[in-house]
Amino acid sequence: MGDMIRLEKVNKMFGDLHVLKDVDLTVAEGEKLVIIGPSGSGKSTTVRCMNFLEEPTSGKVFIAGQELTHRNKRQMVREYMSMVFQQFNLYPHMTVLKNLTLAPMKLHHKTREEAEA
C-alpha cells in the first residue's frame, strides 16, 4: 500500500503567528489517524490544511500520490478524508459508526461494507 496523505514541510501562518512549523506527516493507505493535543496546538489547522479548508502558507500536500496545487484537484480530497469537529453535529439516534458511514453511503453511493472499510 502507498501513502494516502503526505505533508512535506507544511507551514501555516496567521499574520505573525506561526501555527504550523515544517510539519511532515505520512498516512498510509488504510491507516487510521487521530490527532490529539491541547487547545491551540494546531490540530484543527493541520487537518484544515490537509483538506484545503485552509491554504498552507508553504509546503506540499499530497493525497493519493497527487500533489494538490490546483483548486480543481482539491475536490478529490473530500472523497478520501473526513473531519469530526469540536461541536458535534451527529445524529443522536444513530451509532458512531452509522454517523461516520452516512456521508460515504449517501454522497458517494458506497455500500455499507465499502463505507466501513
PDB file of N, CA and C in Angstrom:
ATOM      1  N   MET A   1       0.840  -1.194   0.000  1.00  0.00           N
ATOM      2  CA  MET A   1       0.000   0.000   0.000  1.00  0.00           C
ATOM      3  C   MET A   1       0.878   1.248   0.000  1.00  0.00           C
ATOM      4  N   GLY A   2       0.396   2.288  -0.641  1.00  0.00           N
ATOM      5  CA  GLY A   2       1.147   3.526  -0.706  1.00  0.00           C
ATOM      6  C   GLY A   2       0.649   4.547   0.293  1.00  0.00           C
ATOM      7  N   ASP A   3       1.207   5.723   0.173  1.00  0.00           N
ATOM      8  CA  ASP A   3       0.797   6.829   1.038  1.00  0.00           C
ATOM      9  C   ASP A   3      -0.530   7.389   0.548  1.00  0.00           C
ATOM     10  N   MET A   4      -1.473   7.571   1.453  1.00  0.00           N
ATOM     11  CA  MET A   4      -2.737   8.202   1.103  1.00  0.00           C
ATOM     12  C   MET A   4      -2.642   9.709   1.328  1.00  0.00           C
ATOM     13  N   ILE A   5      -2.001  10.101   2.428  1.00  0.00           N
ATOM     14  CA  ILE A   5      -1.824  11.522   2.751  1.00  0.00           C
ATOM     15  C   ILE A   5      -0.357  11.739   3.080  1.00  0.00           C
ATOM     16  N   ARG A   6       0.209  12.790   2.522  1.00  0.00           N
ATOM     17  CA  ARG A   6       1.591  13.132   2.869  1.00  0.00           C
ATOM     18  C   ARG A   6       1.717  14.652   2.918  1.00  0.00           C
ATOM     19  N   LEU A   7       2.247  15.136   4.026  1.00  0.00           N
ATOM     20  CA  LEU A   7       2.565  16.553   4.169  1.00  0.00           C
ATOM     21  C   LEU A   7       4.074  16.680   4.195  1.00  0.00           C
ATOM     22  N   GLU A   8       4.593  17.644   3.446  1.00  0.00           N
ATOM     23  CA  GLU A   8       6.033  17.898   3.427  1.00  0.00           C
ATOM     24  C   GLU A   8       6.293  19.356   3.777  1.00  0.00           C
ATOM     25  N   LYS A   9       6.931  19.567   4.909  1.00  0.00           N
ATOM     26  CA  LYS A   9       7.343  20.911   5.341  1.00  0.00           C
ATOM     27  C   LYS A   9       6.194  21.918   5.269  1.00  0.00           C
ATOM     28  N   VAL A  10       5.021  21.519   5.758  1.00  0.00           N
ATOM     29  CA  VAL A  10       3.849  22.397   5.713  1.00  0.00           C
ATOM     30  C   VAL A  10       3.942  23.437   6.824  1.00  0.00           C
ATOM     31  N   ASN A  11       3.753  24.677   6.440  1.00  0.00           N
ATOM     32  CA  ASN A  11       3.727  25.809   7.362  1.00  0.00           C
ATOM     33  C   ASN A  11       2.407  26.540   7.179  1.00  0.00           C
ATOM     34  N   LYS A  12       1.894  27.081   8.281  1.00  0.00           N
ATOM     35  CA  LYS A  12       0.707  27.914   8.222  1.00  0.00           C
ATOM     36  C   LYS A  12       0.900  29.083   9.166  1.00  0.00           C
ATOM     37  N   MET A  13       0.728  30.263   8.614  1.00  0.00           N
ATOM     38  CA  MET A  13       0.847  31.493   9.397  1.00  0.00           C
ATOM     39  C   MET A  13      -0.488  32.224   9.352  1.00  0.00           C
ATOM     40  N   PHE A  14      -0.852  32.796  10.476  1.00  0.00           N
ATOM     41  CA  PHE A  14      -1.978  33.711  10.566  1.00  0.00           C
ATOM     42  C   PHE A  14      -1.373  35.036  11.001  1.00  0.00           C
ATOM     43  N   GLY A  15      -1.118  35.906  10.042  1.00  0.00           N
ATOM     44  CA  GLY A  15      -0.393  37.140  10.338  1.00  0.00           C
ATOM     45  C   GLY A  15       1.007  36.800  10.802  1.00  0.00           C
ATOM     46  N   ASP A  16       1.396  37.272  11.986  1.00  0.00           N
ATOM     47  CA  ASP A  16       2.721  36.978  12.545  1.00  0.00           C
ATOM     48  C   ASP A  16       2.752  35.678  13.352  1.00  0.00           C
ATOM     49  N   LEU A  17       1.607  35.048  13.534  1.00  0.00           N
ATOM     50  CA  LEU A  17       1.528  33.825  14.331  1.00  0.00           C
ATOM     51  C   LEU A  17       1.844  32.606  13.461  1.00  0.00           C
ATOM     52  N   HIS A  18       2.950  31.938  13.777  1.00  0.00           N
ATOM     53  CA  HIS A  18       3.400  30.762  13.027  1.00  0.00           C
ATOM     54  C   HIS A  18       2.797  29.521  13.690  1.00  0.00           C
ATOM     55  N   VAL A  19       1.668  29.056  13.166  1.00  0.00           N
ATOM     56  CA  VAL A  19       0.893  27.991  13.806  1.00  0.00           C
ATOM     57  C   VAL A  19       1.460  26.608  13.502  1.00  0.00           C
ATOM     58  N   LEU A  20       1.750  26.325  12.244  1.00  0.00           N
ATOM     59  CA  LEU A  20       2.355  25.045  11.846  1.00  0.00           C
ATOM     60  C   LEU A  20       3.762  25.319  11.340  1.00  0.00           C
ATOM     61  N   LYS A  21       4.722  24.567  11.856  1.00  0.00           N
ATOM     62  CA  LYS A  21       6.128  24.805  11.510  1.00  0.00           C
ATOM     63  C   LYS A  21       6.744  23.540  10.922  1.00  0.00           C
ATOM     64  N   ASP A  22       6.931  23.541   9.608  1.00  0.00           N
ATOM     65  CA  ASP A  22       7.594  22.435   8.899  1.00  0.00           C
ATOM     66  C   ASP A  22       7.024  21.070   9.266  1.00  0.00           C
ATOM     67  N   VAL A  23       5.713  20.937   9.191  1.00  0.00           N
ATOM     68  CA  VAL A  23       5.053  19.676   9.542  1.00  0.00           C
ATOM     69  C   VAL A  23       5.268  18.650   8.434  1.00  0.00           C
ATOM     70  N   ASP A  24       5.821  17.505   8.805  1.00  0.00           N
ATOM     71  CA  ASP A  24       5.953  16.347   7.926  1.00  0.00           C
ATOM     72  C   ASP A  24       5.060  15.259   8.501  1.00  0.00           C
ATOM     73  N   LEU A  25       4.231  14.660   7.660  1.00  0.00           N
ATOM     74  CA  LEU A  25       3.296  13.640   8.121  1.00  0.00           C
ATOM     75  C   LEU A  25       2.992  12.706   6.966  1.00  0.00           C
ATOM     76  N   THR A  26       2.974  11.414   7.251  1.00  0.00           N
ATOM     77  CA  THR A  26       2.597  10.424   6.246  1.00  0.00           C
ATOM     78  C   THR A  26       1.541   9.506   6.840  1.00  0.00           C
ATOM     79  N   VAL A  27       0.461   9.310   6.097  1.00  0.00           N
ATOM     80  CA  VAL A  27      -0.596   8.383   6.482  1.00  0.00           C
ATOM     81  C   VAL A  27      -0.735   7.383   5.342  1.00  0.00           C
ATOM     82  N   ALA A  28      -0.488   6.120   5.639  1.00  0.00           N
ATOM     83  CA  ALA A  28      -0.548   5.072   4.622  1.00  0.00           C
ATOM     84  C   ALA A  28      -1.995   4.749   4.265  1.00  0.00           C
ATOM     85  N   GLU A  29      -2.180   4.215   3.073  1.00  0.00           N
ATOM     86  CA  GLU A  29      -3.498   3.765   2.653  1.00  0.00           C
ATOM     87  C   GLU A  29      -4.017   2.729   3.649  1.00  0.00           C
ATOM     88  N   GLY A  30      -5.241   2.915   4.113  1.00  0.00           N
ATOM     89  CA  GLY A  30      -5.844   2.003   5.076  1.00  0.00           C
ATOM     90  C   GLY A  30      -5.543   2.328   6.527  1.00  0.00           C
ATOM     91  N   GLU A  31      -4.583   3.197   6.760  1.00  0.00           N
ATOM     92  CA  GLU A  31      -4.224   3.580   8.125  1.00  0.00           C
ATOM     93  C   GLU A  31      -5.234   4.591   8.655  1.00  0.00           C
ATOM     94  N   LYS A  32      -5.521   4.527   9.931  1.00  0.00           N
ATOM     95  CA  LYS A  32      -6.399   5.500  10.590  1.00  0.00           C
ATOM     96  C   LYS A  32      -5.520   6.448  11.390  1.00  0.00           C
ATOM     97  N   LEU A  33      -5.893   7.714  11.426  1.00  0.00           N
ATOM     98  CA  LEU A  33      -5.109   8.719  12.133  1.00  0.00           C
ATOM     99  C   LEU A  33      -6.014   9.492  13.077  1.00  0.00           C
ATOM    100  N   VAL A  34      -5.567   9.656  14.300  1.00  0.00           N
ATOM    101  CA  VAL A  34      -6.240  10.502  15.280  1.00  0.00           C
ATOM    102  C   VAL A  34      -5.215  11.525  15.737  1.00  0.00           C
ATOM    103  N   ILE A  35      -5.584  12.786  15.694  1.00  0.00           N
ATOM    104  CA  ILE A  35      -4.686  13.853  16.146  1.00  0.00           C
ATOM    105  C   ILE A  35      -5.263  14.406  17.441  1.00  0.00           C
ATOM    106  N   ILE A  36      -4.497  14.297  18.521  1.00  0.00           N
ATOM    107  CA  ILE A  36      -4.956  14.810  19.811  1.00  0.00           C
ATOM    108  C   ILE A  36      -3.915  15.771  20.368  1.00  0.00           C
ATOM    109  N   GLY A  37      -4.364  16.671  21.203  1.00  0.00           N
ATOM    110  CA  GLY A  37      -3.463  17.623  21.831  1.00  0.00           C
ATOM    111  C   GLY A  37      -4.267  18.720  22.496  1.00  0.00           C
ATOM    112  N   PRO A  38      -3.593  19.573  23.248  1.00  0.00           N
ATOM    113  CA  PRO A  38      -4.298  20.644  23.947  1.00  0.00           C
ATOM    114  C   PRO A  38      -4.847  21.688  22.980  1.00  0.00           C
ATOM    115  N   SER A  39      -5.769  22.464  23.475  1.00  0.00           N
ATOM    116  CA  SER A  39      -6.343  23.555  22.702  1.00  0.00           C
ATOM    117  C   SER A  39      -5.237  24.482  22.207  1.00  0.00           C
ATOM    118  N   GLY A  40      -5.309  24.837  20.934  1.00  0.00           N
ATOM    119  CA  GLY A  40      -4.334  25.764  20.371  1.00  0.00           C
ATOM    120  C   GLY A  40      -3.052  25.123  19.887  1.00  0.00           C
ATOM    121  N   SER A  41      -2.983  23.791  19.879  1.00  0.00           N
ATOM    122  CA  SER A  41      -1.733  23.133  19.479  1.00  0.00           C
ATOM    123  C   SER A  41      -1.611  22.916  17.972  1.00  0.00           C
ATOM    124  N   GLY A  42      -2.651  23.245  17.207  1.00  0.00           N
ATOM    125  CA  GLY A  42      -2.566  23.145  15.751  1.00  0.00           C
ATOM    126  C   GLY A  42      -3.257  21.934  15.142  1.00  0.00           C
ATOM    127  N   LYS A  43      -4.031  21.201  15.931  1.00  0.00           N
ATOM    128  CA  LYS A  43      -4.714  20.001  15.421  1.00  0.00           C
ATOM    129  C   LYS A  43      -5.659  20.348  14.280  1.00  0.00           C
ATOM    130  N   SER A  44      -6.585  21.238  14.532  1.00  0.00           N
ATOM    131  CA  SER A  44      -7.575  21.604  13.516  1.00  0.00           C
ATOM    132  C   SER A  44      -6.913  22.260  12.318  1.00  0.00           C
ATOM    133  N   THR A  45      -5.927  23.092  12.560  1.00  0.00           N
ATOM    134  CA  THR A  45      -5.235  23.756  11.458  1.00  0.00           C
ATOM    135  C   THR A  45      -4.521  22.740  10.579  1.00  0.00           C
ATOM    136  N   THR A  46      -3.929  21.715  11.183  1.00  0.00           N
ATOM    137  CA  THR A  46      -3.271  20.668  10.400  1.00  0.00           C
ATOM    138  C   THR A  46      -4.268  19.985   9.477  1.00  0.00           C
ATOM    139  N   VAL A  47      -5.406  19.581  10.029  1.00  0.00           N
ATOM    140  CA  VAL A  47      -6.409  18.894   9.218  1.00  0.00           C
ATOM    141  C   VAL A  47      -7.000  19.843   8.186  1.00  0.00           C
ATOM    142  N   ARG A  48      -7.228  21.089   8.562  1.00  0.00           N
ATOM    143  CA  ARG A  48      -7.766  22.066   7.613  1.00  0.00           C
ATOM    144  C   ARG A  48      -6.793  22.325   6.465  1.00  0.00           C
ATOM    145  N   CYS A  49      -5.500  22.230   6.723  1.00  0.00           N
ATOM    146  CA  CYS A  49      -4.517  22.355   5.639  1.00  0.00           C
ATOM    147  C   CYS A  49      -4.490  21.089   4.779  1.00  0.00           C
ATOM    148  N   MET A  50      -4.701  19.929   5.402  1.00  0.00           N
ATOM    149  CA  MET A  50      -4.748  18.675   4.633  1.00  0.00           C
ATOM    150  C   MET A  50      -5.877  18.700   3.612  1.00  0.00           C
ATOM    151  N   ASN A  51      -7.039  19.206   4.018  1.00  0.00           N
ATOM    152  CA  ASN A  51      -8.179  19.169   3.110  1.00  0.00           C
ATOM    153  C   ASN A  51      -8.472  20.526   2.462  1.00  0.00           C
ATOM    154  N   PHE A  52      -7.546  21.456   2.596  1.00  0.00           N
ATOM    155  CA  PHE A  52      -7.589  22.766   1.954  1.00  0.00           C
ATOM    156  C   PHE A  52      -8.803  23.600   2.338  1.00  0.00           C
ATOM    157  N   LEU A  53      -9.284  23.398   3.565  1.00  0.00           N
ATOM    158  CA  LEU A  53     -10.194  24.391   4.119  1.00  0.00           C
ATOM    159  C   LEU A  53      -9.379  25.621   4.497  1.00  0.00           C
ATOM    160  N   GLU A  54      -8.083  25.414   4.731  1.00  0.00           N
ATOM    161  CA  GLU A  54      -7.094  26.492   4.914  1.00  0.00           C
ATOM    162  C   GLU A  54      -5.980  26.259   3.905  1.00  0.00           C
ATOM    163  N   GLU A  55      -5.499  27.307   3.303  1.00  0.00           N
ATOM    164  CA  GLU A  55      -4.373  27.218   2.372  1.00  0.00           C
ATOM    165  C   GLU A  55      -3.072  27.217   3.178  1.00  0.00           C
ATOM    166  N   PRO A  56      -2.237  26.192   3.031  1.00  0.00           N
ATOM    167  CA  PRO A  56      -0.938  26.239   3.716  1.00  0.00           C
ATOM    168  C   PRO A  56      -0.132  27.451   3.233  1.00  0.00           C
ATOM    169  N   THR A  57       0.605  28.065   4.139  1.00  0.00           N
ATOM    170  CA  THR A  57       1.465  29.186   3.760  1.00  0.00           C
ATOM    171  C   THR A  57       2.596  28.699   2.868  1.00  0.00           C
ATOM    172  N   SER A  58       3.136  27.526   3.186  1.00  0.00           N
ATOM    173  CA  SER A  58       4.166  26.906   2.349  1.00  0.00           C
ATOM    174  C   SER A  58       4.158  25.409   2.611  1.00  0.00           C
ATOM    175  N   GLY A  59       4.876  24.685   1.785  1.00  0.00           N
ATOM    176  CA  GLY A  59       4.943  23.235   1.910  1.00  0.00           C
ATOM    177  C   GLY A  59       4.071  22.560   0.872  1.00  0.00           C
ATOM    178  N   LYS A  60       4.071  21.235   0.911  1.00  0.00           N
ATOM    179  CA  LYS A  60       3.342  20.456  -0.087  1.00  0.00           C
ATOM    180  C   LYS A  60       2.384  19.484   0.592  1.00  0.00           C
ATOM    181  N   VAL A  61       1.228  19.302  -0.035  1.00  0.00           N
ATOM    182  CA  VAL A  61       0.225  18.341   0.418  1.00  0.00           C
ATOM    183  C   VAL A  61      -0.038  17.378  -0.730  1.00  0.00           C
ATOM    184  N   PHE A  62       0.058  16.079  -0.434  1.00  0.00           N
ATOM    185  CA  PHE A  62      -0.216  15.041  -1.421  1.00  0.00           C
ATOM    186  C   PHE A  62      -1.369  14.188  -0.914  1.00  0.00           C
ATOM    187  N   ILE A  63      -2.325  13.906  -1.783  1.00  0.00           N
ATOM    188  CA  ILE A  63      -3.421  12.994  -1.485  1.00  0.00           C
ATOM    189  C   ILE A  63      -3.416  11.932  -2.581  1.00  0.00           C
ATOM    190  N   ALA A  64      -3.356  10.668  -2.168  1.00  0.00           N
ATOM    191  CA  ALA A  64      -3.330   9.543  -3.112  1.00  0.00           C
ATOM    192  C   ALA A  64      -2.225   9.735  -4.151  1.00  0.00           C
ATOM    193  N   GLY A  65      -1.092  10.256  -3.712  1.00  0.00           N
ATOM    194  CA  GLY A  65       0.061  10.416  -4.583  1.00  0.00           C
ATOM    195  C   GLY A  65       0.050  11.644  -5.464  1.00  0.00           C
ATOM    196  N   GLN A  66      -1.011  12.432  -5.429  1.00  0.00           N
ATOM    197  CA  GLN A  66      -1.098  13.630  -6.264  1.00  0.00           C
ATOM    198  C   GLN A  66      -0.887  14.875  -5.419  1.00  0.00           C
ATOM    199  N   GLU A  67       0.029  15.715  -5.869  1.00  0.00           N
ATOM    200  CA  GLU A  67       0.236  16.977  -5.161  1.00  0.00           C
ATOM    201  C   GLU A  67      -0.941  17.896  -5.434  1.00  0.00           C
ATOM    202  N   LEU A  68      -1.461  18.477  -4.379  1.00  0.00           N
ATOM    203  CA  LEU A  68      -2.591  19.392  -4.526  1.00  0.00           C
ATOM    204  C   LEU A  68      -2.054  20.801  -4.708  1.00  0.00           C
ATOM    205  N   THR A  69      -2.069  21.224  -5.947  1.00  0.00           N
ATOM    206  CA  THR A  69      -1.569  22.556  -6.252  1.00  0.00           C
ATOM    207  C   THR A  69      -2.621  23.405  -6.943  1.00  0.00           C
ATOM    208  N   HIS A  70      -3.605  22.764  -7.522  1.00  0.00           N
ATOM    209  CA  HIS A  70      -4.637  23.489  -8.255  1.00  0.00           C
ATOM    210  C   HIS A  70      -5.985  23.264  -7.586  1.00  0.00           C
ATOM    211  N   ARG A  71      -6.782  24.281  -7.548  1.00  0.00           N
ATOM    212  CA  ARG A  71      -8.091  24.190  -6.895  1.00  0.00           C
ATOM    213  C   ARG A  71      -8.941  23.059  -7.473  1.00  0.00           C
ATOM    214  N   ASN A  72      -8.805  22.773  -8.775  1.00  0.00           N
ATOM    215  CA  ASN A  72      -9.658  21.743  -9.367  1.00  0.00           C
ATOM    216  C   ASN A  72      -9.344  20.348  -8.837  1.00  0.00           C
ATOM    217  N   LYS A  73      -8.164  20.119  -8.268  1.00  0.00           N
ATOM    218  CA  LYS A  73      -7.829  18.821  -7.685  1.00  0.00           C
ATOM    219  C   LYS A  73      -8.295  18.721  -6.240  1.00  0.00           C
ATOM    220  N   ARG A  74      -8.580  19.816  -5.627  1.00  0.00           N
ATOM    221  CA  ARG A  74      -8.865  19.809  -4.190  1.00  0.00           C
ATOM    222  C   ARG A  74     -10.196  19.161  -3.849  1.00  0.00           C
ATOM    223  N   GLN A  75     -11.120  19.114  -4.787  1.00  0.00           N
ATOM    224  CA  GLN A  75     -12.402  18.472  -4.505  1.00  0.00           C
ATOM    225  C   GLN A  75     -12.214  16.987  -4.233  1.00  0.00           C
ATOM    226  N   MET A  76     -11.196  16.370  -4.856  1.00  0.00           N
ATOM    227  CA  MET A  76     -10.975  14.937  -4.644  1.00  0.00           C
ATOM    228  C   MET A  76     -10.627  14.625  -3.192  1.00  0.00           C
ATOM    229  N   VAL A  77     -10.111  15.611  -2.466  1.00  0.00           N
ATOM    230  CA  VAL A  77      -9.787  15.402  -1.055  1.00  0.00           C
ATOM    231  C   VAL A  77     -11.026  14.955  -0.294  1.00  0.00           C
ATOM    232  N   ARG A  78     -12.180  15.516  -0.618  1.00  0.00           N
ATOM    233  CA  ARG A  78     -13.413  15.194   0.097  1.00  0.00           C
ATOM    234  C   ARG A  78     -13.780  13.718  -0.053  1.00  0.00           C
ATOM    235  N   GLU A  79     -13.269  13.065  -1.103  1.00  0.00           N
ATOM    236  CA  GLU A  79     -13.558  11.645  -1.299  1.00  0.00           C
ATOM    237  C   GLU A  79     -12.718  10.764  -0.381  1.00  0.00           C
ATOM    238  N   TYR A  80     -11.596  11.276   0.122  1.00  0.00           N
ATOM    239  CA  TYR A  80     -10.657  10.480   0.896  1.00  0.00           C
ATOM    240  C   TYR A  80     -10.619  10.824   2.378  1.00  0.00           C
ATOM    241  N   MET A  81     -11.156  11.953   2.763  1.00  0.00           N
ATOM    242  CA  MET A  81     -10.934  12.447   4.118  1.00  0.00           C
ATOM    243  C   MET A  81     -12.217  13.003   4.714  1.00  0.00           C
ATOM    244  N   SER A  82     -12.377  12.781   6.005  1.00  0.00           N
ATOM    245  CA  SER A  82     -13.476  13.413   6.726  1.00  0.00           C
ATOM    246  C   SER A  82     -12.927  13.981   8.025  1.00  0.00           C
ATOM    247  N   MET A  83     -13.732  14.782   8.665  1.00  0.00           N
ATOM    248  CA  MET A  83     -13.271  15.506   9.842  1.00  0.00           C
ATOM    249  C   MET A  83     -14.416  15.572  10.840  1.00  0.00           C
ATOM    250  N   VAL A  84     -14.127  15.327  12.104  1.00  0.00           N
ATOM    251  CA  VAL A  84     -15.128  15.477  13.159  1.00  0.00           C
ATOM    252  C   VAL A  84     -14.783  16.754  13.910  1.00  0.00           C
ATOM    253  N   PHE A  85     -15.711  17.683  13.941  1.00  0.00           N
ATOM    254  CA  PHE A  85     -15.471  18.981  14.554  1.00  0.00           C
ATOM    255  C   PHE A  85     -15.702  18.932  16.059  1.00  0.00           C
ATOM    256  N   GLN A  86     -15.189  19.942  16.749  1.00  0.00           N
ATOM    257  CA  GLN A  86     -15.344  20.004  18.198  1.00  0.00           C
ATOM    258  C   GLN A  86     -16.809  20.096  18.598  1.00  0.00           C
ATOM    259  N   GLN A  87     -17.582  20.839  17.849  1.00  0.00           N
ATOM    260  CA  GLN A  87     -19.015  20.933  18.107  1.00  0.00           C
ATOM    261  C   GLN A  87     -19.683  19.809  17.333  1.00  0.00           C
ATOM    262  N   PHE A  88     -20.013  18.743  18.012  1.00  0.00           N
ATOM    263  CA  PHE A  88     -20.568  17.580  17.338  1.00  0.00           C
ATOM    264  C   PHE A  88     -21.954  17.887  16.793  1.00  0.00           C
ATOM    265  N   ASN A  89     -22.147  17.595  15.547  1.00  0.00           N
ATOM    266  CA  ASN A  89     -23.449  17.700  14.910  1.00  0.00           C
ATOM    267  C   ASN A  89     -23.826  16.314  14.410  1.00  0.00           C
ATOM    268  N   LEU A  90     -23.806  15.364  15.316  1.00  0.00           N
ATOM    269  CA  LEU A  90     -24.107  13.987  14.981  1.00  0.00           C
ATOM    270  C   LEU A  90     -25.593  13.729  15.157  1.00  0.00           C
ATOM    271  N   TYR A  91     -26.062  12.664  14.550  1.00  0.00           N
ATOM    272  CA  TYR A  91     -27.436  12.235  14.746  1.00  0.00           C
ATOM    273  C   TYR A  91     -27.483  11.404  16.022  1.00  0.00           C
ATOM    274  N   PRO A  92     -28.115  11.914  17.071  1.00  0.00           N
ATOM    275  CA  PRO A  92     -28.060  11.241  18.371  1.00  0.00           C
ATOM    276  C   PRO A  92     -28.737   9.871  18.384  1.00  0.00           C
ATOM    277  N   HIS A  93     -29.624   9.622  17.453  1.00  0.00           N
ATOM    278  CA  HIS A  93     -30.325   8.336  17.414  1.00  0.00           C
ATOM    279  C   HIS A  93     -29.517   7.262  16.675  1.00  0.00           C
ATOM    280  N   MET A  94     -28.356   7.651  16.117  1.00  0.00           N
ATOM    281  CA  MET A  94     -27.529   6.714  15.360  1.00  0.00           C
ATOM    282  C   MET A  94     -26.245   6.408  16.123  1.00  0.00           C
ATOM    283  N   THR A  95     -25.677   5.234  15.863  1.00  0.00           N
ATOM    284  CA  THR A  95     -24.394   4.880  16.473  1.00  0.00           C
ATOM    285  C   THR A  95     -23.295   5.736  15.854  1.00  0.00           C
ATOM    286  N   VAL A  96     -22.126   5.748  16.486  1.00  0.00           N
ATOM    287  CA  VAL A  96     -20.973   6.473  15.943  1.00  0.00           C
ATOM    288  C   VAL A  96     -20.643   5.942  14.552  1.00  0.00           C
ATOM    289  N   LEU A  97     -20.613   4.629  14.404  1.00  0.00           N
ATOM    290  CA  LEU A  97     -20.291   4.030  13.110  1.00  0.00           C
ATOM    291  C   LEU A  97     -21.277   4.466  12.034  1.00  0.00           C
ATOM    292  N   LYS A  98     -22.558   4.485  12.364  1.00  0.00           N
ATOM    293  CA  LYS A  98     -23.552   4.914  11.374  1.00  0.00           C
ATOM    294  C   LYS A  98     -23.391   6.392  11.030  1.00  0.00           C
ATOM    295  N   ASN A  99     -23.039   7.224  11.998  1.00  0.00           N
ATOM    296  CA  ASN A  99     -22.777   8.635  11.727  1.00  0.00           C
ATOM    297  C   ASN A  99     -21.603   8.791  10.766  1.00  0.00           C
ATOM    298  N   LEU A 100     -20.538   7.997  10.989  1.00  0.00           N
ATOM    299  CA  LEU A 100     -19.335   8.113  10.163  1.00  0.00           C
ATOM    300  C   LEU A 100     -19.525   7.569   8.751  1.00  0.00           C
ATOM    301  N   THR A 101     -20.384   6.589   8.588  1.00  0.00           N
ATOM    302  CA  THR A 101     -20.560   5.984   7.265  1.00  0.00           C
ATOM    303  C   THR A 101     -21.703   6.610   6.473  1.00  0.00           C
ATOM    304  N   LEU A 102     -22.456   7.492   7.078  1.00  0.00           N
ATOM    305  CA  LEU A 102     -23.596   8.105   6.407  1.00  0.00           C
ATOM    306  C   LEU A 102     -23.185   8.870   5.145  1.00  0.00           C
ATOM    307  N   ALA A 103     -22.202   9.747   5.248  1.00  0.00           N
ATOM    308  CA  ALA A 103     -21.802  10.563   4.091  1.00  0.00           C
ATOM    309  C   ALA A 103     -21.265   9.719   2.938  1.00  0.00           C
ATOM    310  N   PRO A 104     -20.331   8.783   3.174  1.00  0.00           N
ATOM    311  CA  PRO A 104     -19.867   7.974   2.037  1.00  0.00           C
ATOM    312  C   PRO A 104     -21.000   7.197   1.357  1.00  0.00           C
ATOM    313  N   MET A 105     -21.965   6.741   2.137  1.00  0.00           N
ATOM    314  CA  MET A 105     -23.068   5.975   1.556  1.00  0.00           C
ATOM    315  C   MET A 105     -24.016   6.885   0.772  1.00  0.00           C
ATOM    316  N   LYS A 106     -24.346   8.042   1.327  1.00  0.00           N
ATOM    317  CA  LYS A 106     -25.299   8.946   0.670  1.00  0.00           C
ATOM    318  C   LYS A 106     -24.662   9.720  -0.489  1.00  0.00           C
ATOM    319  N   LEU A 107     -23.474  10.263  -0.267  1.00  0.00           N
ATOM    320  CA  LEU A 107     -22.852  11.122  -1.276  1.00  0.00           C
ATOM    321  C   LEU A 107     -22.115  10.352  -2.360  1.00  0.00           C
ATOM    322  N   HIS A 108     -21.495   9.250  -1.982  1.00  0.00           N
ATOM    323  CA  HIS A 108     -20.663   8.509  -2.940  1.00  0.00           C
ATOM    324  C   HIS A 108     -21.260   7.157  -3.305  1.00  0.00           C
ATOM    325  N   HIS A 109     -22.490   6.906  -2.842  1.00  0.00           N
ATOM    326  CA  HIS A 109     -23.228   5.687  -3.188  1.00  0.00           C
ATOM    327  C   HIS A 109     -22.440   4.417  -2.888  1.00  0.00           C
ATOM    328  N   LYS A 110     -21.720   4.445  -1.761  1.00  0.00           N
ATOM    329  CA  LYS A 110     -20.958   3.269  -1.344  1.00  0.00           C
ATOM    330  C   LYS A 110     -21.868   2.323  -0.567  1.00  0.00           C
ATOM    331  N   THR A 111     -21.533   1.047  -0.615  1.00  0.00           N
ATOM    332  CA  THR A 111     -22.249   0.082   0.207  1.00  0.00           C
ATOM    333  C   THR A 111     -21.809   0.273   1.653  1.00  0.00           C
ATOM    334  N   ARG A 112     -22.560  -0.299   2.583  1.00  0.00           N
ATOM    335  CA  ARG A 112     -22.185  -0.210   3.996  1.00  0.00           C
ATOM    336  C   ARG A 112     -20.793  -0.802   4.207  1.00  0.00           C
ATOM    337  N   GLU A 113     -20.523  -1.934   3.563  1.00  0.00           N
ATOM    338  CA  GLU A 113     -19.220  -2.591   3.708  1.00  0.00           C
ATOM    339  C   GLU A 113     -18.091  -1.697   3.191  1.00  0.00           C
ATOM    340  N   GLU A 114     -18.307  -1.041   2.049  1.00  0.00           N
ATOM    341  CA  GLU A 114     -17.286  -0.140   1.496  1.00  0.00           C
ATOM    342  C   GLU A 114     -17.065   1.056   2.415  1.00  0.00           C
ATOM    343  N   ALA A 115     -18.145   1.605   2.952  1.00  0.00           N
ATOM    344  CA  ALA A 115     -18.039   2.772   3.829  1.00  0.00           C
ATOM    345  C   ALA A 115     -17.336   2.433   5.134  1.00  0.00           C
ATOM    346  N   GLU A 116     -17.489   1.199   5.599  1.00  0.00           N
ATOM    347  CA  GLU A 116     -16.865   0.790   6.854  1.00  0.00           C
ATOM    348  C   GLU A 116     -15.414   0.373   6.684  1.00  0.00           C
ATOM    349  N   ALA A 117     -14.981   0.158   5.461  1.00  0.00           N
ATOM    350  CA  ALA A 117     -13.596  -0.317   5.213  1.00  0.00           C
ATOM    351  C   ALA A 117     -12.569   0.741   5.528  1.00  0.00           C
TER     352      ALA A 117
END
